[in-house]
Amino acid sequence: MKVVLVLLIALAAVLPAGAGERVIMYAMLTEPLRVDLTDGSQWQMDKGDCFPVVAYKESHTKVILQLAGAQFRVPADKTRIVAAKEMEEAVKSYRENVNTYIASASDKWKDKAKDPNKDPNKAE
């Protein structure tokens, strides 16, 4: 599995992208995971959720994924790169997660406005 992933990444680096063409890889979670976002919040991600790949770290053992303006790190072996034929469903999954994230952030900001001393990232 790791060899295939490395080959796909190498192939993507070798194949030229068109001028101005943006290449985005999506990764699908292969199991549910609780993640820490860079905004300080924690989220429970579901198996099958898809997110854009930002980078690989620690010799490709970790992958950094993006959720709206936040990022999170997961083990690479708990993800798989989405094939081109699955891209439409991956984008749909990602957009649903972004909408949920934005709605949640909005609710936290409203709560913070009502009670400025409350930490919006801590559940009660």
Protein backbone atom coordinates (compact mmCIF):
# COMPACT_ATOMS: atom_id res chain seq x y z
CA MET A 1 0.00 0.00 0.00
CA LYS A 2 2.79 2.41 0.91
CA VAL A 3 4.67 1.54 -2.28
CA VAL A 4 1.60 2.36 -4.37
CA LEU A 5 1.20 5.66 -2.55
CA VAL A 6 4.84 6.59 -3.12
CA LEU A 7 4.52 5.67 -6.80
CA LEU A 8 1.38 7.79 -7.17
CA ILE A 9 3.11 10.77 -5.57
CA ALA A 10 6.18 10.30 -7.78
CA LEU A 11 3.96 10.03 -10.85
CA ALA A 12 2.09 13.21 -9.89
CA ALA A 13 5.42 15.04 -9.53
CA VAL A 14 6.63 13.87 -12.95
CA LEU A 15 3.47 14.55 -14.95
CA PRO A 16 3.28 18.18 -15.96
CA ALA A 17 0.22 20.16 -14.97
CA GLY A 18 -1.19 22.62 -17.48
CA ALA A 19 -0.23 26.24 -17.09
CA GLY A 20 -2.16 27.66 -14.17
CA GLU A 21 -3.84 24.32 -13.51
CA ARG A 22 -4.23 23.59 -9.84
CA VAL A 23 -3.79 19.97 -8.80
CA ILE A 24 -5.60 18.92 -5.62
CA MET A 25 -5.38 15.46 -4.11
CA TYR A 26 -8.09 14.32 -1.76
CA ALA A 27 -7.62 11.69 0.91
CA MET A 28 -10.43 9.56 2.33
CA LEU A 29 -10.35 8.40 5.94
CA THR A 30 -10.45 4.61 6.18
CA GLU A 31 -11.66 4.62 9.77
CA PRO A 32 -13.22 7.07 12.26
CA LEU A 33 -10.65 9.35 13.93
CA ARG A 34 -10.69 12.06 16.59
CA VAL A 35 -8.46 14.90 15.40
CA ASP A 36 -7.05 18.13 16.78
CA LEU A 37 -7.51 21.04 14.38
CA THR A 38 -5.02 23.89 14.19
CA ASP A 39 -7.73 26.24 15.49
CA GLY A 40 -7.59 24.39 18.84
CA SER A 41 -10.83 22.45 18.46
CA GLN A 42 -11.26 18.69 18.41
CA TRP A 43 -13.44 16.93 15.86
CA GLN A 44 -14.63 13.38 15.39
CA MET A 45 -14.14 12.49 11.73
CA ASP A 46 -16.06 9.62 10.17
CA LYS A 47 -14.86 6.79 7.99
CA GLY A 48 -15.29 7.90 4.37
CA ASP A 49 -14.85 11.64 5.02
CA CYS A 50 -12.66 13.28 2.37
CA PHE A 51 -10.27 16.22 2.73
CA PRO A 52 -7.68 17.95 0.53
CA VAL A 53 -4.11 16.81 1.14
CA VAL A 54 -1.83 19.65 2.22
CA ALA A 55 1.41 17.72 2.80
CA TYR A 56 3.05 14.53 3.97
CA LYS A 57 5.28 14.55 7.05
CA GLU A 58 7.62 12.23 8.92
CA SER A 59 8.72 10.12 5.94
CA HIS A 60 5.17 9.87 4.60
CA THR A 61 3.85 8.29 7.82
CA LYS A 62 1.63 11.30 8.55
CA VAL A 63 -0.57 13.31 6.23
CA ILE A 64 -1.78 16.86 6.83
CA LEU A 65 -5.36 17.41 5.70
CA GLN A 66 -7.37 20.62 5.44
CA LEU A 67 -10.82 21.49 6.75
CA ALA A 68 -11.77 25.02 5.64
CA GLY A 69 -9.07 27.29 7.14
CA ALA A 70 -7.86 24.70 9.65
CA GLN A 71 -5.56 21.74 9.22
CA PHE A 72 -5.06 18.46 11.04
CA ARG A 73 -2.59 15.59 10.98
CA VAL A 74 -3.51 11.90 10.76
CA PRO A 75 -1.55 8.68 10.23
CA ALA A 76 -1.11 8.09 6.50
CA ASP A 77 -2.10 4.44 6.86
CA LYS A 78 -5.57 5.56 8.01
CA THR A 79 -6.21 7.31 4.67
CA ARG A 80 -6.28 6.50 1.00
CA ILE A 81 -5.90 8.85 -1.96
CA VAL A 82 -9.16 9.31 -3.84
CA ALA A 83 -9.17 8.09 -7.44
CA ALA A 84 -10.21 10.47 -10.22
CA LYS A 85 -13.48 8.60 -10.75
CA GLU A 86 -14.41 9.22 -7.08
CA MET A 87 -13.48 12.90 -7.09
CA GLU A 88 -17.05 14.24 -7.39
CA GLU A 89 -18.15 12.34 -4.27
CA ALA A 90 -14.96 13.38 -2.44
CA VAL A 91 -15.62 17.07 -3.13
CA LYS A 92 -19.24 16.65 -2.02
CA SER A 93 -18.10 15.00 1.25
CA TYR A 94 -15.57 17.78 1.83
CA ARG A 95 -18.12 20.55 1.23
CA GLU A 96 -20.53 18.96 3.72
CA ASN A 97 -17.76 18.88 6.33
CA VAL A 98 -16.83 22.51 5.60
CA ASN A 99 -20.46 23.58 6.03
CA THR A 100 -20.66 21.74 9.36
CA TYR A 101 -17.35 23.27 10.47
CA ILE A 102 -18.43 26.81 9.54
CA ALA A 103 -21.81 26.41 11.27
CA SER A 104 -20.07 25.13 14.40
CA ALA A 105 -17.54 27.97 14.35
CA SER A 106 -20.36 30.47 13.93
CA ASP A 107 -22.18 29.01 16.95
CA LYS A 108 -18.97 29.23 19.02
CA TRP A 109 -18.49 32.89 18.05
CA LYS A 110 -22.09 33.68 19.00
CA ASP A 111 -21.62 31.95 22.37
CA LYS A 112 -18.36 33.85 22.91
CA ALA A 113 -20.13 37.14 22.17
CA LYS A 114 -22.75 36.33 24.81
CA ASP A 115 -20.14 35.27 27.40
CA PRO A 116 -16.66 36.70 26.65
CA ASN A 117 -15.07 34.70 29.50
CA LYS A 118 -16.15 31.34 28.09
CA ASP A 119 -13.59 29.28 26.11
CA PRO A 120 -15.38 28.44 22.81
CA ASN A 121 -13.24 25.32 22.20
CA LYS A 122 -14.16 23.58 25.46
CA ALA A 123 -17.33 21.55 25.75
CA GLU A 124 -19.26 21.73 28.96
